[in-house]
Protein backbone atom coordinates (compact mmCIF):
# COMPACT_ATOMS: atom_id res chain seq x y z
CA MET A 1 156.74 -32.95 -53.09
CA ARG A 2 156.52 -29.25 -52.56
CA SER A 3 152.87 -29.11 -53.55
CA ARG A 4 152.06 -31.89 -51.11
CA LEU A 5 153.81 -30.05 -48.31
CA ALA A 6 151.95 -26.89 -49.17
CA VAL A 7 148.62 -28.71 -49.03
CA LEU A 8 149.43 -30.16 -45.62
CA THR A 9 150.51 -26.79 -44.31
CA LEU A 10 147.31 -25.17 -45.58
CA GLY A 11 145.20 -27.91 -44.05
CA LEU A 12 146.94 -27.51 -40.69
CA TYR A 13 146.42 -23.79 -40.82
CA LEU A 14 142.72 -24.16 -41.58
CA SER A 15 142.38 -26.66 -38.74
CA LEU A 16 143.93 -24.20 -36.28
CA VAL A 17 141.63 -21.42 -37.52
CA LEU A 18 138.52 -23.59 -37.12
CA LEU A 19 139.66 -24.67 -33.63
CA ALA A 20 140.16 -21.08 -32.56
CA CYS A 21 136.72 -20.05 -33.83
CA GLY A 22 135.09 -22.95 -31.96
CA LYS A 23 136.68 -21.89 -28.65
CA LYS A 24 135.42 -18.30 -29.05
CA THR A 25 131.90 -19.59 -29.75
CA ASP A 26 132.03 -21.78 -26.63
CA GLN A 27 133.25 -18.87 -24.48
CA SER A 28 130.45 -16.57 -25.73
CA THR A 29 127.91 -19.31 -25.05
CA ASP A 30 129.22 -19.91 -21.54
CA THR A 31 129.18 -16.18 -20.77
CA SER A 32 125.59 -15.83 -21.86
CA THR A 33 124.66 -18.91 -19.90
CA THR A 34 126.41 -18.03 -16.67
CA ALA A 35 125.47 -14.31 -16.68
CA PRO A 36 123.41 -13.55 -13.57
CA ALA A 37 119.75 -12.94 -14.22
CA ALA A 38 118.37 -9.45 -13.56
CA THR A 39 117.06 -9.15 -10.00
CA ALA A 40 113.32 -8.37 -9.83
CA PRO A 41 112.29 -5.58 -7.38
CA ALA A 42 111.23 -6.88 -3.98
CA ALA A 43 107.49 -6.87 -3.33
CA PRO A 44 106.39 -4.28 -0.71
CA PRO A 45 105.45 -5.71 2.68
CA PRO A 46 101.72 -6.17 3.26
CA ALA A 47 99.96 -3.23 4.89
CA PRO A 48 99.10 -3.81 8.54
CA GLU A 49 95.46 -4.57 9.20
CA PRO A 50 93.59 -1.73 10.93
CA ARG A 51 92.97 -2.32 14.60
CA ALA A 52 89.37 -2.72 15.53
CA GLU A 53 88.30 0.01 17.94
CA PRO A 54 86.78 -1.28 21.14
CA LYS A 55 83.03 -0.94 21.21
CA ARG A 56 81.78 1.68 23.60
CA ALA A 57 78.91 0.83 25.83
CA LYS A 58 75.78 2.67 24.83
CA VAL A 59 74.96 5.39 27.34
CA GLU A 60 71.27 5.88 27.92
CA PRO A 61 70.10 9.50 28.21
CA ILE A 62 68.73 10.85 31.48
CA ILE A 63 65.06 11.70 31.37
CA VAL A 64 63.86 14.49 33.63
CA PRO A 65 60.13 13.74 33.85
CA ALA A 66 57.31 16.21 33.55
CA GLY A 67 56.23 17.40 36.98
CA THR A 68 59.80 17.95 38.18
CA THR A 69 60.17 21.17 40.17
CA LEU A 70 62.89 23.61 39.15
CA THR A 71 63.62 26.21 41.82
CA VAL A 72 65.33 29.25 40.32
CA ARG A 73 66.82 32.30 42.04
CA LEU A 74 66.16 35.51 40.14
CA GLY A 75 69.13 37.34 38.73
CA GLN A 76 67.33 40.66 38.87
CA ALA A 77 64.13 42.10 40.29
CA VAL A 78 60.87 41.72 38.38
CA GLY A 79 57.56 43.39 39.21
CA SER A 80 54.15 44.45 38.04
CA LYS A 81 55.36 48.02 37.50
CA ILE A 82 59.06 47.65 36.71
CA SER A 83 58.60 44.83 34.17
CA GLN A 84 56.72 44.49 30.90
CA ALA A 85 55.07 41.54 29.18
CA GLY A 86 57.61 39.82 26.91
CA GLN A 87 60.58 40.95 28.99
CA SER A 88 63.11 38.24 29.79
CA PHE A 89 64.88 37.64 33.06
CA SER A 90 67.82 35.51 34.16
CA GLY A 91 68.34 33.23 37.11
CA THR A 92 70.24 30.23 38.42
CA LEU A 93 69.05 26.81 39.52
CA ALA A 94 68.98 26.73 43.31
CA ASN A 95 69.11 22.93 43.72
CA SER A 96 70.56 20.12 41.62
CA ILE A 97 68.11 17.90 39.76
CA VAL A 98 69.06 14.27 40.50
CA ILE A 99 67.49 11.38 38.57
CA ASP A 100 68.21 7.76 39.61
CA GLY A 101 71.28 8.86 41.52
CA LYS A 102 72.70 10.85 38.60
CA THR A 103 72.89 14.64 38.50
CA ALA A 104 70.89 15.63 35.45
CA ILE A 105 71.15 19.40 36.00
CA PRO A 106 73.65 20.80 38.52
CA SER A 107 72.80 23.62 40.89
CA GLY A 108 73.95 26.96 39.60
CA ALA A 109 72.91 26.18 36.01
CA ALA A 110 71.92 29.37 34.20
CA ALA A 111 68.21 29.73 33.49
CA THR A 112 66.15 32.19 31.48
CA GLY A 113 62.52 33.14 31.91
CA SER A 114 59.95 35.49 30.49
CA VAL A 115 57.44 37.91 32.00
CA THR A 116 54.16 36.90 30.38
CA ASP A 117 52.00 39.46 32.20
CA ALA A 118 52.77 42.64 34.15
CA LYS A 119 50.08 45.13 35.08
CA PRO A 120 50.75 47.86 37.65
CA LEU A 121 48.25 48.92 40.25
CA GLY A 122 45.19 50.66 38.86
CA ARG A 123 45.15 48.95 35.41
CA PHE A 124 43.69 45.64 36.44
CA ALA A 125 40.39 46.27 38.21
CA GLY A 126 42.23 48.41 40.71
CA GLY A 127 44.90 45.76 41.42
CA ALA A 128 48.28 44.65 40.13
CA SER A 129 49.30 41.37 38.49
CA LEU A 130 52.55 39.63 37.59
CA THR A 131 53.08 36.32 35.79
CA VAL A 132 56.45 34.76 34.95
CA GLN A 133 57.46 31.54 33.28
CA LEU A 134 60.73 29.66 32.79
CA THR A 135 61.73 29.24 29.12
CA SER A 136 65.23 27.70 29.02
CA ILE A 137 68.02 26.25 31.12
CA ASN A 138 71.68 25.74 30.30
CA ILE A 139 72.79 22.10 30.36
CA ASN A 140 76.39 21.13 29.53
CA GLY A 141 76.97 24.51 27.91
CA THR A 142 73.84 24.45 25.74
CA ASP A 143 70.64 26.39 26.33
CA ARG A 144 67.73 23.95 26.26
CA ALA A 145 64.22 25.22 25.66
CA ILE A 146 61.75 24.03 28.28
CA GLN A 147 58.08 24.44 29.06
CA THR A 148 57.00 25.06 32.62
CA SER A 149 53.99 26.16 34.59
CA ALA A 150 53.66 29.89 35.21
CA VAL A 151 53.98 31.58 38.58
CA SER A 152 51.41 34.35 39.03
CA GLN A 153 50.78 36.97 41.70
CA THR A 154 48.03 39.51 42.06
CA ALA A 155 47.53 42.41 44.48
CA LYS A 156 44.11 43.78 45.35
CA GLY A 157 43.03 46.35 47.88
CA LYS A 158 45.51 47.82 50.31
CA GLY A 159 48.59 45.77 49.80
CA LYS A 160 47.00 42.35 50.17
CA ARG A 161 48.84 39.86 47.91
CA THR A 162 48.04 36.42 46.62
CA ALA A 163 50.27 34.03 44.75
CA VAL A 164 49.06 31.20 42.53
CA MET A 165 50.46 28.51 40.31
CA ALA A 166 48.86 28.75 36.88
CA GLY A 167 46.84 25.67 36.09
CA GLY A 168 45.47 25.23 39.61
CA GLY A 169 45.92 22.49 42.12
CA ALA A 170 49.73 22.46 42.24
CA ALA A 171 51.76 23.83 45.10
CA LEU A 172 53.58 27.05 44.36
CA GLY A 173 56.55 26.22 46.55
CA ALA A 174 58.64 28.45 48.74
CA LEU A 175 59.03 32.03 47.60
CA ILE A 176 62.06 32.98 49.62
CA GLY A 177 64.81 35.54 49.14
CA GLY A 178 68.46 34.69 49.33
CA LEU A 179 69.39 36.99 52.20
CA ALA A 180 67.30 36.46 55.30
CA GLY A 181 67.27 39.35 57.69
CA GLY A 182 66.02 42.22 55.53
CA GLY A 183 67.16 44.34 52.64
CA LYS A 184 67.37 43.23 49.02
CA GLY A 185 66.53 39.55 48.74
CA ALA A 186 65.03 39.43 52.23
CA ALA A 187 62.67 36.60 53.11
CA ILE A 188 59.29 37.37 51.61
CA GLY A 189 57.31 34.43 52.92
CA ALA A 190 56.29 30.97 51.83
CA VAL A 191 53.24 29.96 49.85
CA ALA A 192 51.49 26.57 49.66
CA GLY A 193 49.07 26.28 46.74
CA GLY A 194 45.49 25.36 47.49
CA GLY A 195 43.26 22.84 45.80
CA ALA A 196 41.66 25.50 43.62
CA GLY A 197 44.98 26.96 42.55
CA THR A 198 44.99 29.88 44.98
CA GLY A 199 47.80 30.21 47.49
CA GLY A 200 47.78 32.03 50.77
CA ALA A 201 49.06 35.54 51.30
CA ALA A 202 52.58 35.80 49.93
CA PHE A 203 53.71 39.12 51.36
CA THR A 204 52.46 42.62 52.05
CA GLY A 205 54.13 45.96 51.55
CA ASN A 206 54.27 48.12 48.43
CA LYS A 207 51.06 48.18 46.45
CA ASP A 208 52.77 47.05 43.25
CA ILE A 209 54.19 43.53 43.16
CA VAL A 210 57.98 43.32 43.30
CA LEU A 211 60.08 40.15 43.42
CA PRO A 212 63.61 41.20 44.41
CA ALA A 213 66.78 39.72 42.97
CA GLU A 214 67.72 36.44 44.68
CA SER A 215 64.05 35.56 45.21
CA ALA A 216 63.49 31.83 44.67
CA LEU A 217 60.62 30.80 42.41
CA SER A 218 59.54 27.21 41.83
CA PHE A 219 58.46 26.15 38.35
CA THR A 220 57.14 22.75 37.28
CA LEU A 221 58.19 21.11 34.02
CA SER A 222 55.22 20.66 31.70
CA GLN A 223 57.13 18.29 29.38
CA SER A 224 59.88 15.79 30.06
CA LEU A 225 63.45 16.75 29.24
CA GLU A 226 65.98 14.33 27.71
CA ILE A 227 69.62 14.90 28.66
CA LYS A 228 72.51 13.02 27.03
CA GLU A 229 75.42 12.28 29.32
CA ARG A 230 78.89 13.35 28.20
């Protein structure tokens, strides 16, 4: 009787142990099942698309054609005796150059020229000669090399002067000082070129040729000049 009771007690004990182990296994299974999954990092937002820049209308350059007259006022005096071949001189554009209603070169633009020939009286068959040419002009802050006709003057005999445009046939243009009424830059006359390239008498006075500061000389472009608008 005692042995039977012991067997039943042992069996009940083993049943309780097995039941307790089963509950622990179920709890561990439920915990692993219900555990929240690891959160993946959020994807970065897409980069904004670059904005397309508006297309700018193409601006055509301004073409200053060959044959255009550039009238320049001298920044200093030049002459057959006071100047030498190769010497440069400065000046400013007297009048704006307007092409198709647009100002290609404004008045007052700085210009540079060169004395290509200067012979005082007595070294050129008893006379004096002076030839000048424009070499560059400042446009939008940049010096642009240019090619122009030359302006020449000769003096023969007792003060008689002639003025010509090198190349013949073209008018020399007005050769006028900036201060009418006498003194430095006084009016020194006007010259119209003849068909053979020889102008009339430009002025008389000193035997050597002198063009005072502020004198206006007209040069003609030999080649066209392309100017890009800003």
